[in-house]
Amino acid sequence: MAVFSFGGNNKDCTNKEQILAKVRNAILEKDEKHFSNINLQDDTWRAFKEGDGDEFTFIERFKENGGIFMYFEEEEHFKEAMLQFAKENNWLPILSTSNVIKDIFAESEIEFSEDYADPERKNKVSLITCECMIAQSGGILVSDQEAGSRAAYSFADTLLILARPNQFVTRMKDAFALMKEKYGDNQPSGMSIINGPNYSTDIENTFVNGGIGCKQIALFLVEM
């Protein structure tokens, strides 16, 4: 289950309590605003609120983009929740090409499949890991190297992303610097910054959620 108890006895824990308390409030507030006309070359195209850390800024903006956010204090709680979600929503087998994901759930009841092209599958639910979370845009940087394949984040109707607290970065340029440090000259062949579900309009200009691409994105922030 998602956990919002923030105990601790030192200054680091106190600071974490404050951040996660803000996170909890952000989750409970509903905001349907979306971004438009973003200039990725402008390093200050969206201001940061004074006193807010990368964590809260990212979560606030990710939710504004239409994403679903959940926080787990322990990996076991995340695994239990995923099993419950999978059973209740008829997701099994979950699609994934990530070895990290499969290792985490090695002793779980959750079944996985790599067949993203299965024509019989009505709802393609994919579970992946990411490279980092970008506070500037509320976007998540994913790659075929981390996710195991480009199909894992390109062909999903519902995209589920596992992230860790040490994966927050402030701006786009920090994300690119992280990739350079991590992979050097052997950059992944496929990379994408996902800001939320895809939206489009049909021929009658009716608003459509997930008309092209994923209909829903959920981020699970799980402590190590």
Protein backbone atom coordinates (compact mmCIF):
# COMPACT_ATOMS: atom_id res chain seq x y z
CA MET A 1 0.00 0.00 0.00
CA ALA A 2 1.06 3.61 -0.43
CA VAL A 3 2.53 4.87 2.82
CA PHE A 4 2.52 8.42 4.18
CA SER A 5 4.09 8.02 7.63
CA PHE A 6 7.29 10.01 7.84
CA GLY A 7 8.98 9.11 11.11
CA GLY A 8 12.58 10.01 11.93
CA ASN A 9 14.88 11.36 14.62
CA ASN A 10 17.52 13.41 12.79
CA LYS A 11 17.69 16.53 10.64
CA ASP A 12 17.69 14.55 7.39
CA CYS A 13 14.51 12.77 8.41
CA THR A 14 12.91 16.06 9.47
CA ASN A 15 13.65 17.55 6.06
CA LYS A 16 12.27 14.40 4.42
CA GLU A 17 9.10 14.71 6.51
CA GLN A 18 8.56 18.23 5.22
CA ILE A 19 9.15 17.24 1.59
CA LEU A 20 6.89 14.20 1.73
CA ALA A 21 4.20 16.08 3.62
CA LYS A 22 4.11 18.45 0.65
CA VAL A 23 4.07 15.44 -1.65
CA ARG A 24 1.04 14.06 0.18
CA ASN A 25 -0.80 17.36 -0.16
CA ALA A 26 0.05 17.52 -3.85
CA ILE A 27 -1.43 14.05 -4.36
CA LEU A 28 -4.67 15.01 -2.64
CA GLU A 29 -5.17 18.19 -4.67
CA LYS A 30 -6.76 17.91 -8.11
CA ASP A 31 -5.32 20.09 -10.87
CA GLU A 32 -6.21 19.65 -14.54
CA LYS A 33 -3.87 22.26 -16.05
CA HIS A 34 -1.58 21.20 -18.88
CA PHE A 35 1.53 22.66 -20.50
CA SER A 36 1.71 24.30 -23.92
CA ASN A 37 4.25 26.26 -25.96
CA ILE A 38 7.24 25.00 -23.98
CA ASN A 39 10.64 26.24 -25.10
CA LEU A 40 13.18 23.58 -24.14
CA GLN A 41 16.08 25.92 -24.96
CA ASP A 42 15.02 28.43 -22.30
CA ASP A 43 16.50 27.29 -18.99
CA THR A 44 13.94 29.36 -17.04
CA TRP A 45 10.77 28.67 -19.02
CA ARG A 46 9.06 27.53 -15.84
CA ALA A 47 10.05 29.11 -12.55
CA PHE A 48 10.77 27.14 -9.41
CA LYS A 49 8.97 28.08 -6.24
CA GLU A 50 11.36 29.29 -3.56
CA GLY A 51 11.85 26.65 -0.89
CA ASP A 52 10.50 23.76 -2.94
CA GLY A 53 12.89 20.92 -3.68
CA ASP A 54 13.16 19.00 -6.93
CA GLU A 55 10.96 16.26 -5.46
CA PHE A 56 7.91 18.40 -4.76
CA THR A 57 8.34 20.50 -7.90
CA PHE A 58 8.49 17.41 -10.09
CA ILE A 59 5.48 15.75 -8.48
CA GLU A 60 3.36 18.88 -8.70
CA ARG A 61 4.15 19.31 -12.40
CA PHE A 62 3.87 15.61 -13.21
CA LYS A 63 0.35 15.66 -11.78
CA GLU A 64 -0.47 18.82 -13.72
CA ASN A 65 0.50 16.89 -16.84
CA GLY A 66 -2.10 14.24 -16.03
CA GLY A 67 0.17 11.66 -14.38
CA ILE A 68 -0.71 9.53 -11.35
CA PHE A 69 1.81 9.48 -8.49
CA MET A 70 2.24 7.05 -5.60
CA TYR A 71 4.95 6.84 -2.94
CA PHE A 72 6.10 3.70 -1.11
CA GLU A 73 8.44 3.63 1.89
CA GLU A 74 9.38 0.00 1.27
CA GLU A 75 9.85 -2.10 -1.84
CA GLU A 76 7.74 -4.90 -0.33
CA HIS A 77 4.77 -2.52 -0.04
CA PHE A 78 5.20 -1.63 -3.72
CA LYS A 79 5.28 -5.30 -4.72
CA GLU A 80 2.17 -6.06 -2.69
CA ALA A 81 0.34 -3.10 -4.20
CA MET A 82 1.34 -4.06 -7.74
CA LEU A 83 -0.01 -7.57 -7.24
CA GLN A 84 -3.28 -6.15 -5.94
CA PHE A 85 -3.53 -3.66 -8.83
CA ALA A 86 -2.75 -6.37 -11.39
CA LYS A 87 -5.42 -8.73 -10.07
CA GLU A 88 -8.11 -6.09 -9.61
CA ASN A 89 -7.57 -4.56 -13.07
CA ASN A 90 -6.98 -7.80 -14.97
CA TRP A 91 -3.45 -6.72 -16.01
CA LEU A 92 -1.81 -10.15 -15.88
CA PRO A 93 0.51 -10.90 -17.44
CA ILE A 94 2.07 -7.43 -17.19
CA LEU A 95 4.22 -6.45 -20.15
CA SER A 96 7.89 -5.77 -19.41
CA THR A 97 11.28 -6.20 -21.04
CA SER A 98 13.15 -4.80 -18.02
CA ASN A 99 15.49 -7.24 -16.27
CA VAL A 100 15.45 -4.97 -13.21
CA ILE A 101 11.68 -5.28 -12.94
CA LYS A 102 11.78 -9.03 -13.41
CA ASP A 103 14.46 -9.38 -10.72
CA ILE A 104 12.39 -7.34 -8.25
CA PHE A 105 9.34 -9.52 -8.83
CA ALA A 106 11.24 -12.81 -9.16
CA GLU A 107 9.48 -14.32 -6.14
CA SER A 108 6.14 -12.63 -6.74
CA GLU A 109 2.95 -14.10 -8.17
CA ILE A 110 3.02 -11.50 -10.95
CA GLU A 111 3.51 -12.94 -14.41
CA PHE A 112 5.27 -11.01 -17.16
CA SER A 113 5.19 -11.09 -20.94
CA GLU A 114 7.38 -9.43 -23.58
CA ASP A 115 4.79 -9.74 -26.36
CA TYR A 116 3.86 -6.10 -26.98
CA ALA A 117 2.55 -7.03 -30.45
CA ASP A 118 -0.08 -9.50 -29.17
CA PRO A 119 -3.22 -8.65 -31.21
CA GLU A 120 -5.46 -10.37 -28.65
CA ARG A 121 -4.36 -8.09 -25.86
CA LYS A 122 -6.98 -5.36 -25.26
CA ASN A 123 -5.08 -3.31 -22.69
CA LYS A 124 -1.30 -3.20 -22.91
CA VAL A 125 0.01 -2.48 -19.41
CA SER A 126 3.78 -2.00 -19.31
CA LEU A 127 6.00 -1.75 -16.22
CA ILE A 128 9.42 -0.16 -16.68
CA THR A 129 12.18 1.69 -14.85
CA CYS A 130 13.41 5.15 -15.85
CA GLU A 131 16.61 7.16 -16.14
CA CYS A 132 15.50 10.18 -14.10
CA MET A 133 12.66 12.55 -13.19
CA ILE A 134 12.99 16.18 -14.31
CA ALA A 135 11.59 18.83 -11.97
CA GLN A 136 11.64 21.56 -14.64
CA SER A 137 8.95 19.91 -16.74
CA GLY A 138 7.51 17.16 -14.59
CA GLY A 139 8.81 14.80 -17.29
CA ILE A 140 10.38 11.36 -16.98
CA LEU A 141 13.39 10.41 -19.08
CA VAL A 142 13.19 6.80 -20.29
CA SER A 143 15.45 4.82 -22.60
CA ASP A 144 15.45 1.46 -24.35
CA GLN A 145 18.58 0.61 -22.33
CA GLU A 146 16.82 1.06 -18.99
CA ALA A 147 13.39 -0.19 -20.08
CA GLY A 148 14.77 -3.14 -22.03
CA SER A 149 13.20 -2.10 -25.33
CA ARG A 150 11.65 0.89 -27.06
CA ALA A 151 8.36 -1.01 -27.29
CA ALA A 152 8.16 -1.02 -23.50
CA TYR A 153 7.33 2.69 -23.40
CA SER A 154 6.11 3.26 -26.98
CA PHE A 155 3.34 0.68 -27.33
CA ALA A 156 1.72 0.73 -23.89
CA ASP A 157 -1.86 1.83 -23.25
CA THR A 158 -1.08 2.09 -19.54
CA LEU A 159 2.53 2.89 -18.62
CA LEU A 160 3.72 2.13 -15.10
CA ILE A 161 7.12 3.52 -14.11
CA LEU A 162 9.26 2.58 -11.11
CA ALA A 163 11.59 5.32 -9.86
CA ARG A 164 13.90 5.84 -6.88
CA PRO A 165 14.34 8.98 -4.72
CA ASN A 166 17.94 9.47 -5.95
CA GLN A 167 16.73 9.91 -9.55
CA PHE A 168 15.45 13.48 -9.32
CA VAL A 169 17.24 16.13 -11.38
CA THR A 170 16.46 19.83 -11.64
CA ARG A 171 16.52 20.74 -15.34
CA MET A 172 16.64 19.22 -18.81
CA LYS A 173 20.34 19.93 -19.10
CA ASP A 174 20.96 17.98 -15.87
CA ALA A 175 19.18 14.97 -17.34
CA PHE A 176 21.35 15.10 -20.47
CA ALA A 177 24.49 15.48 -18.34
CA LEU A 178 23.42 12.45 -16.30
CA MET A 179 23.04 10.39 -19.48
CA LYS A 180 26.47 11.50 -20.70
CA GLU A 181 28.05 10.50 -17.40
CA LYS A 182 26.21 7.17 -17.27
CA TYR A 183 26.68 6.00 -20.86
CA GLY A 184 29.51 8.12 -22.27
CA ASP A 185 29.72 7.75 -26.03
CA ASN A 186 27.51 4.65 -26.02
CA GLN A 187 24.20 6.43 -25.59
CA PRO A 188 20.97 4.38 -25.82
CA SER A 189 19.55 4.23 -29.35
CA GLY A 190 16.13 5.23 -28.06
CA MET A 191 15.34 7.91 -25.48
CA SER A 192 12.17 9.81 -24.70
CA ILE A 193 10.95 12.37 -22.18
CA ILE A 194 7.42 11.47 -21.12
CA ASN A 195 5.40 14.29 -19.60
CA GLY A 196 2.04 12.56 -19.22
CA PRO A 197 -0.68 10.75 -21.15
CA ASN A 198 -1.04 11.59 -24.83
CA TYR A 199 -3.92 13.79 -25.90
CA SER A 200 -5.40 14.45 -29.31
CA THR A 201 -8.62 15.57 -31.00
CA ASP A 202 -10.72 13.59 -33.43
CA ILE A 203 -12.10 14.76 -36.78
CA GLU A 204 -14.89 16.66 -35.00
CA ASN A 205 -12.40 18.34 -32.63
CA THR A 206 -13.55 16.22 -29.72
CA PHE A 207 -10.90 15.92 -27.00
CA VAL A 208 -9.49 12.37 -26.79
CA ASN A 209 -7.28 11.01 -24.01
CA GLY A 210 -4.84 8.42 -25.34
CA GLY A 211 -6.12 8.62 -28.89
CA ILE A 212 -2.53 8.12 -30.00
CA GLY A 213 -0.17 6.56 -27.47
CA CYS A 214 -0.69 5.74 -23.80
CA LYS A 215 -3.94 6.63 -22.07
CA GLN A 216 -2.58 6.61 -18.53
CA ILE A 217 0.80 7.00 -16.82
CA ALA A 218 1.50 6.13 -13.19
CA LEU A 219 4.79 6.76 -11.40
CA PHE A 220 5.71 4.71 -8.33
CA LEU A 221 8.40 6.37 -6.21
CA VAL A 222 9.86 3.55 -4.11
CA GLU A 223 12.52 3.83 -1.42
CA MET A 224 15.59 1.60 -1.90
